PDB file of N, CA and C in Angstrom:
ATOM      1  N   UNK A   1       7.375  -4.934   4.724  1.00  0.00           N
ATOM      2  CA  UNK A   1       6.100  -5.165   4.068  1.00  0.00           C
ATOM      3  C   UNK A   1       5.970  -6.655   3.737  1.00  0.00           C
ATOM      4  N   UNK A   2       5.445  -6.937   2.563  1.00  0.00           N
ATOM      5  CA  UNK A   2       5.273  -8.315   2.132  1.00  0.00           C
ATOM      6  C   UNK A   2       6.506  -8.781   1.391  1.00  0.00           C
ATOM      7  N   UNK A   3       6.871 -10.043   1.574  1.00  0.00           N
ATOM      8  CA  UNK A   3       7.983 -10.582   0.810  1.00  0.00           C
ATOM      9  C   UNK A   3       7.594 -10.711  -0.653  1.00  0.00           C
ATOM     10  N   UNK A   4       6.336 -11.016  -0.915  1.00  0.00           N
ATOM     11  CA  UNK A   4       5.844 -11.095  -2.285  1.00  0.00           C
ATOM     12  C   UNK A   4       4.342 -10.880  -2.277  1.00  0.00           C
ATOM     13  N   UNK A   5       3.871 -10.113  -3.229  1.00  0.00           N
ATOM     14  CA  UNK A   5       2.435  -9.868  -3.345  1.00  0.00           C
ATOM     15  C   UNK A   5       1.776 -10.896  -4.251  1.00  0.00           C
ATOM     16  N   UNK A   6       2.534 -11.807  -4.812  1.00  0.00           N
ATOM     17  CA  UNK A   6       2.000 -12.764  -5.776  1.00  0.00           C
ATOM     18  C   UNK A   6       0.920 -13.653  -5.174  1.00  0.00           C
ATOM     19  N   UNK A   7       0.917 -13.811  -3.872  1.00  0.00           N
ATOM     20  CA  UNK A   7      -0.073 -14.664  -3.216  1.00  0.00           C
ATOM     21  C   UNK A   7      -1.339 -13.907  -2.831  1.00  0.00           C
ATOM     22  N   UNK A   8      -1.398 -12.616  -3.122  1.00  0.00           N
ATOM     23  CA  UNK A   8      -2.537 -11.808  -2.739  1.00  0.00           C
ATOM     24  C   UNK A   8      -3.387 -11.499  -3.960  1.00  0.00           C
ATOM     25  N   UNK A   9      -4.700 -11.443  -3.750  1.00  0.00           N
ATOM     26  CA  UNK A   9      -5.604 -11.171  -4.860  1.00  0.00           C
ATOM     27  C   UNK A   9      -6.217  -9.783  -4.714  1.00  0.00           C
ATOM     28  N   UNK A  10      -6.098  -8.977  -5.734  1.00  0.00           N
ATOM     29  CA  UNK A  10      -6.727  -7.671  -5.748  1.00  0.00           C
ATOM     30  C   UNK A  10      -6.043  -6.646  -4.881  1.00  0.00           C
ATOM     31  N   UNK A  11      -6.562  -5.433  -4.949  1.00  0.00           N
ATOM     32  CA  UNK A  11      -5.937  -4.316  -4.250  1.00  0.00           C
ATOM     33  C   UNK A  11      -6.268  -4.273  -2.765  1.00  0.00           C
ATOM     34  N   UNK A  12      -7.260  -5.034  -2.307  1.00  0.00           N
ATOM     35  CA  UNK A  12      -7.635  -5.016  -0.891  1.00  0.00           C
ATOM     36  C   UNK A  12      -6.541  -5.558   0.004  1.00  0.00           C
ATOM     37  N   UNK A  13      -5.621  -6.325  -0.553  1.00  0.00           N
ATOM     38  CA  UNK A  13      -4.576  -6.937   0.245  1.00  0.00           C
ATOM     39  C   UNK A  13      -3.238  -6.213   0.130  1.00  0.00           C
ATOM     40  N   UNK A  14      -3.232  -5.066  -0.511  1.00  0.00           N
ATOM     41  CA  UNK A  14      -1.989  -4.313  -0.626  1.00  0.00           C
ATOM     42  C   UNK A  14      -1.688  -3.613   0.696  1.00  0.00           C
ATOM     43  N   UNK A  15      -0.395  -3.479   1.017  1.00  0.00           N
ATOM     44  CA  UNK A  15      -0.043  -2.728   2.230  1.00  0.00           C
ATOM     45  C   UNK A  15      -0.395  -1.250   2.063  1.00  0.00           C
ATOM     46  N   UNK A  16      -0.463  -0.516   3.154  1.00  0.00           N
ATOM     47  CA  UNK A  16      -0.811   0.906   3.126  1.00  0.00           C
ATOM     48  C   UNK A  16       0.196   1.713   2.315  1.00  0.00           C
ATOM     49  N   UNK A  17       1.455   1.337   2.370  1.00  0.00           N
ATOM     50  CA  UNK A  17       2.499   1.967   1.566  1.00  0.00           C
ATOM     51  C   UNK A  17       3.267   0.881   0.850  1.00  0.00           C
ATOM     52  N   UNK A  18       3.420   1.055  -0.460  1.00  0.00           N
ATOM     53  CA  UNK A  18       4.081   0.048  -1.284  1.00  0.00           C
ATOM     54  C   UNK A  18       5.531   0.426  -1.555  1.00  0.00           C
ATOM     55  N   UNK A  19       6.365  -0.585  -1.639  1.00  0.00           N
ATOM     56  CA  UNK A  19       7.763  -0.409  -2.001  1.00  0.00           C
ATOM     57  C   UNK A  19       7.900  -0.622  -3.511  1.00  0.00           C
ATOM     58  N   UNK A  20       9.106  -0.433  -4.015  1.00  0.00           N
ATOM     59  CA  UNK A  20       9.367  -0.694  -5.430  1.00  0.00           C
ATOM     60  C   UNK A  20       9.066  -2.153  -5.752  1.00  0.00           C
ATOM     61  N   UNK A  21       9.456  -3.064  -4.897  1.00  0.00           N
ATOM     62  CA  UNK A  21       9.199  -4.485  -5.119  1.00  0.00           C
ATOM     63  C   UNK A  21       7.707  -4.787  -5.113  1.00  0.00           C
ATOM     64  N   UNK A  22       6.957  -4.171  -4.204  1.00  0.00           N
ATOM     65  CA  UNK A  22       5.509  -4.364  -4.151  1.00  0.00           C
ATOM     66  C   UNK A  22       4.859  -3.943  -5.472  1.00  0.00           C
ATOM     67  N   UNK A  23       5.260  -2.770  -5.977  1.00  0.00           N
ATOM     68  CA  UNK A  23       4.697  -2.264  -7.236  1.00  0.00           C
ATOM     69  C   UNK A  23       5.070  -3.190  -8.397  1.00  0.00           C
ATOM     70  N   UNK A  24       6.311  -3.639  -8.431  1.00  0.00           N
ATOM     71  CA  UNK A  24       6.745  -4.558  -9.490  1.00  0.00           C
ATOM     72  C   UNK A  24       5.927  -5.846  -9.455  1.00  0.00           C
ATOM     73  N   UNK A  25       5.709  -6.392  -8.277  1.00  0.00           N
ATOM     74  CA  UNK A  25       4.916  -7.619  -8.148  1.00  0.00           C
ATOM     75  C   UNK A  25       3.470  -7.387  -8.576  1.00  0.00           C
ATOM     76  N   UNK A  26       2.884  -6.281  -8.143  1.00  0.00           N
ATOM     77  CA  UNK A  26       1.483  -5.988  -8.457  1.00  0.00           C
ATOM     78  C   UNK A  26       1.286  -5.781  -9.955  1.00  0.00           C
ATOM     79  N   UNK A  27       2.214  -5.046 -10.579  1.00  0.00           N
ATOM     80  CA  UNK A  27       2.086  -4.737 -12.002  1.00  0.00           C
ATOM     81  C   UNK A  27       2.660  -5.836 -12.898  1.00  0.00           C
ATOM     82  N   UNK A  28       3.345  -6.804 -12.263  1.00  0.00           N
ATOM     83  CA  UNK A  28       3.999  -7.896 -13.003  1.00  0.00           C
ATOM     84  C   UNK A  28       5.001  -7.346 -14.015  1.00  0.00           C
ATOM     85  N   UNK A  29       5.863  -6.458 -13.498  1.00  0.00           N
ATOM     86  CA  UNK A  29       6.927  -5.869 -14.306  1.00  0.00           C
ATOM     87  C   UNK A  29       8.259  -6.095 -13.598  1.00  0.00           C
ATOM     88  N   UNK A  30       9.369  -5.991 -14.335  1.00  0.00           N
ATOM     89  CA  UNK A  30      10.683  -6.126 -13.684  1.00  0.00           C
ATOM     90  C   UNK A  30      10.919  -5.013 -12.659  1.00  0.00           C
ATOM     91  N   UNK A  31      11.699  -5.310 -11.639  1.00  0.00           N
ATOM     92  CA  UNK A  31      12.002  -4.334 -10.596  1.00  0.00           C
ATOM     93  C   UNK A  31      12.649  -3.088 -11.196  1.00  0.00           C
ATOM     94  N   UNK A  32      13.499  -3.249 -12.192  1.00  0.00           N
ATOM     95  CA  UNK A  32      14.135  -2.101 -12.855  1.00  0.00           C
ATOM     96  C   UNK A  32      13.089  -1.150 -13.413  1.00  0.00           C
ATOM     97  N   UNK A  33      12.043  -1.684 -14.040  1.00  0.00           N
ATOM     98  CA  UNK A  33      10.977  -0.839 -14.589  1.00  0.00           C
ATOM     99  C   UNK A  33      10.204  -0.142 -13.472  1.00  0.00           C
ATOM    100  N   UNK A  34       9.961  -0.849 -12.374  1.00  0.00           N
ATOM    101  CA  UNK A  34       9.280  -0.233 -11.226  1.00  0.00           C
ATOM    102  C   UNK A  34      10.149   0.875 -10.634  1.00  0.00           C
ATOM    103  N   UNK A  35      11.446   0.636 -10.547  1.00  0.00           N
ATOM    104  CA  UNK A  35      12.379   1.647 -10.055  1.00  0.00           C
ATOM    105  C   UNK A  35      12.288   2.902 -10.919  1.00  0.00           C
ATOM    106  N   UNK A  36      12.249   2.715 -12.230  1.00  0.00           N
ATOM    107  CA  UNK A  36      12.116   3.851 -13.148  1.00  0.00           C
ATOM    108  C   UNK A  36      10.796   4.600 -12.922  1.00  0.00           C
ATOM    109  N   UNK A  37       9.725   3.861 -12.647  1.00  0.00           N
ATOM    110  CA  UNK A  37       8.437   4.492 -12.363  1.00  0.00           C
ATOM    111  C   UNK A  37       8.529   5.442 -11.176  1.00  0.00           C
ATOM    112  N   UNK A  38       9.209   5.006 -10.131  1.00  0.00           N
ATOM    113  CA  UNK A  38       9.314   5.793  -8.905  1.00  0.00           C
ATOM    114  C   UNK A  38      10.070   7.103  -9.129  1.00  0.00           C
ATOM    115  N   UNK A  39      10.772   7.206 -10.241  1.00  0.00           N
ATOM    116  CA  UNK A  39      11.507   8.430 -10.554  1.00  0.00           C
ATOM    117  C   UNK A  39      10.782   9.311 -11.567  1.00  0.00           C
ATOM    118  N   UNK A  40       9.626   8.871 -12.044  1.00  0.00           N
ATOM    119  CA  UNK A  40       8.856   9.684 -12.985  1.00  0.00           C
ATOM    120  C   UNK A  40       8.124  10.792 -12.242  1.00  0.00           C
ATOM    121  N   UNK A  41       8.052  11.976 -12.844  1.00  0.00           N
ATOM    122  CA  UNK A  41       7.382  13.092 -12.154  1.00  0.00           C
ATOM    123  C   UNK A  41       5.877  12.883 -11.969  1.00  0.00           C
ATOM    124  N   UNK A  42       5.249  12.056 -12.802  1.00  0.00           N
ATOM    125  CA  UNK A  42       3.806  11.837 -12.676  1.00  0.00           C
ATOM    126  C   UNK A  42       3.447  10.690 -11.729  1.00  0.00           C
ATOM    127  N   UNK A  43       4.447  10.011 -11.185  1.00  0.00           N
ATOM    128  CA  UNK A  43       4.199   8.898 -10.268  1.00  0.00           C
ATOM    129  C   UNK A  43       4.184   9.435  -8.840  1.00  0.00           C
ATOM    130  N   UNK A  44       3.158   9.081  -8.032  1.00  0.00           N
ATOM    131  CA  UNK A  44       2.975   9.694  -6.706  1.00  0.00           C
ATOM    132  C   UNK A  44       3.844   9.128  -5.590  1.00  0.00           C
ATOM    133  N   UNK A  45       5.114   8.918  -5.860  1.00  0.00           N
ATOM    134  CA  UNK A  45       6.016   8.337  -4.859  1.00  0.00           C
ATOM    135  C   UNK A  45       6.601   9.415  -3.953  1.00  0.00           C
ATOM    136  N   UNK A  46       7.060   8.987  -2.793  1.00  0.00           N
ATOM    137  CA  UNK A  46       7.777   9.863  -1.880  1.00  0.00           C
ATOM    138  C   UNK A  46       8.921   9.082  -1.251  1.00  0.00           C
ATOM    139  N   UNK A  47       9.882   9.815  -0.741  1.00  0.00           N
ATOM    140  CA  UNK A  47      11.046   9.177  -0.114  1.00  0.00           C
ATOM    141  C   UNK A  47      10.891   9.164   1.394  1.00  0.00           C
ATOM    142  N   UNK A  48      11.351   8.071   1.970  1.00  0.00           N
ATOM    143  CA  UNK A  48      11.483   7.953   3.417  1.00  0.00           C
ATOM    144  C   UNK A  48      12.928   7.529   3.639  1.00  0.00           C
ATOM    145  N   UNK A  49      13.746   8.485   4.019  1.00  0.00           N
ATOM    146  CA  UNK A  49      15.176   8.201   4.127  1.00  0.00           C
ATOM    147  C   UNK A  49      15.732   7.897   2.748  1.00  0.00           C
ATOM    148  N   UNK A  50      16.307   6.718   2.610  1.00  0.00           N
ATOM    149  CA  UNK A  50      16.885   6.311   1.330  1.00  0.00           C
ATOM    150  C   UNK A  50      15.945   5.442   0.504  1.00  0.00           C
ATOM    151  N   UNK A  51      14.758   5.180   1.027  1.00  0.00           N
ATOM    152  CA  UNK A  51      13.829   4.306   0.309  1.00  0.00           C
ATOM    153  C   UNK A  51      12.669   5.099  -0.272  1.00  0.00           C
ATOM    154  N   UNK A  52      12.064   4.525  -1.291  1.00  0.00           N
ATOM    155  CA  UNK A  52      10.891   5.113  -1.917  1.00  0.00           C
ATOM    156  C   UNK A  52       9.657   4.344  -1.491  1.00  0.00           C
ATOM    157  N   UNK A  53       8.553   5.070  -1.351  1.00  0.00           N
ATOM    158  CA  UNK A  53       7.257   4.468  -1.034  1.00  0.00           C
ATOM    159  C   UNK A  53       6.190   5.184  -1.845  1.00  0.00           C
ATOM    160  N   UNK A  54       5.062   4.513  -2.014  1.00  0.00           N
ATOM    161  CA  UNK A  54       3.892   5.134  -2.613  1.00  0.00           C
ATOM    162  C   UNK A  54       2.686   4.669  -1.815  1.00  0.00           C
ATOM    163  N   UNK A  55       1.811   5.602  -1.471  1.00  0.00           N
ATOM    164  CA  UNK A  55       0.613   5.230  -0.722  1.00  0.00           C
ATOM    165  C   UNK A  55      -0.304   4.405  -1.613  1.00  0.00           C
ATOM    166  N   UNK A  56      -0.905   3.384  -1.027  1.00  0.00           N
ATOM    167  CA  UNK A  56      -1.774   2.462  -1.767  1.00  0.00           C
ATOM    168  C   UNK A  56      -2.834   3.217  -2.562  1.00  0.00           C
ATOM    169  N   UNK A  57      -3.531   4.134  -1.921  1.00  0.00           N
ATOM    170  CA  UNK A  57      -4.620   4.843  -2.595  1.00  0.00           C
ATOM    171  C   UNK A  57      -4.103   5.669  -3.771  1.00  0.00           C
ATOM    172  N   UNK A  58      -2.981   6.356  -3.576  1.00  0.00           N
ATOM    173  CA  UNK A  58      -2.393   7.159  -4.644  1.00  0.00           C
ATOM    174  C   UNK A  58      -1.950   6.280  -5.808  1.00  0.00           C
ATOM    175  N   UNK A  59      -1.339   5.142  -5.473  1.00  0.00           N
ATOM    176  CA  UNK A  59      -0.899   4.213  -6.519  1.00  0.00           C
ATOM    177  C   UNK A  59      -2.088   3.703  -7.312  1.00  0.00           C
ATOM    178  N   UNK A  60      -3.160   3.306  -6.648  1.00  0.00           N
ATOM    179  CA  UNK A  60      -4.322   2.750  -7.349  1.00  0.00           C
ATOM    180  C   UNK A  60      -5.002   3.792  -8.233  1.00  0.00           C
ATOM    181  N   UNK A  61      -5.064   5.040  -7.773  1.00  0.00           N
ATOM    182  CA  UNK A  61      -5.616   6.117  -8.607  1.00  0.00           C
ATOM    183  C   UNK A  61      -4.740   6.302  -9.845  1.00  0.00           C
ATOM    184  N   UNK A  62      -3.432   6.349  -9.650  1.00  0.00           N
ATOM    185  CA  UNK A  62      -2.493   6.492 -10.768  1.00  0.00           C
ATOM    186  C   UNK A  62      -2.627   5.310 -11.728  1.00  0.00           C
ATOM    187  N   UNK A  63      -2.706   4.109 -11.177  1.00  0.00           N
ATOM    188  CA  UNK A  63      -2.781   2.884 -11.986  1.00  0.00           C
ATOM    189  C   UNK A  63      -4.055   2.867 -12.832  1.00  0.00           C
ATOM    190  N   UNK A  64      -5.173   3.284 -12.247  1.00  0.00           N
ATOM    191  CA  UNK A  64      -6.422   3.372 -13.021  1.00  0.00           C
ATOM    192  C   UNK A  64      -6.327   4.438 -14.097  1.00  0.00           C
ATOM    193  N   UNK A  65      -5.673   5.543 -13.785  1.00  0.00           N
ATOM    194  CA  UNK A  65      -5.567   6.653 -14.742  1.00  0.00           C
ATOM    195  C   UNK A  65      -4.763   6.278 -15.991  1.00  0.00           C
ATOM    196  N   UNK A  66      -3.800   5.361 -15.812  1.00  0.00           N
ATOM    197  CA  UNK A  66      -3.005   4.963 -16.984  1.00  0.00           C
ATOM    198  C   UNK A  66      -3.699   3.871 -17.783  1.00  0.00           C
ATOM    199  N   UNK A  67      -4.856   3.444 -17.279  1.00  0.00           N
ATOM    200  CA  UNK A  67      -5.680   2.507 -18.053  1.00  0.00           C
ATOM    201  C   UNK A  67      -5.314   1.046 -17.931  1.00  0.00           C
ATOM    202  N   UNK A  68      -4.799   0.639 -16.800  1.00  0.00           N
ATOM    203  CA  UNK A  68      -4.446  -0.781 -16.609  1.00  0.00           C
ATOM    204  C   UNK A  68      -5.597  -1.545 -16.011  1.00  0.00           C
TER     205      UNK A  68
END
């Protein structure tokens, strides 16, 4: 995916599936906190092999729902 999302503005430039690092960069939180998010039952993440991903649309719906 992207090495860093810090150079992108808004959700239009997010990849179709976000990694833990992508979510941490977008939310401006530590990677550890993003990792914890991916393990929450209310977070729309899924596993691909040993990695976690979240679909952009699902993440944005979740992000709006939490009031950010």
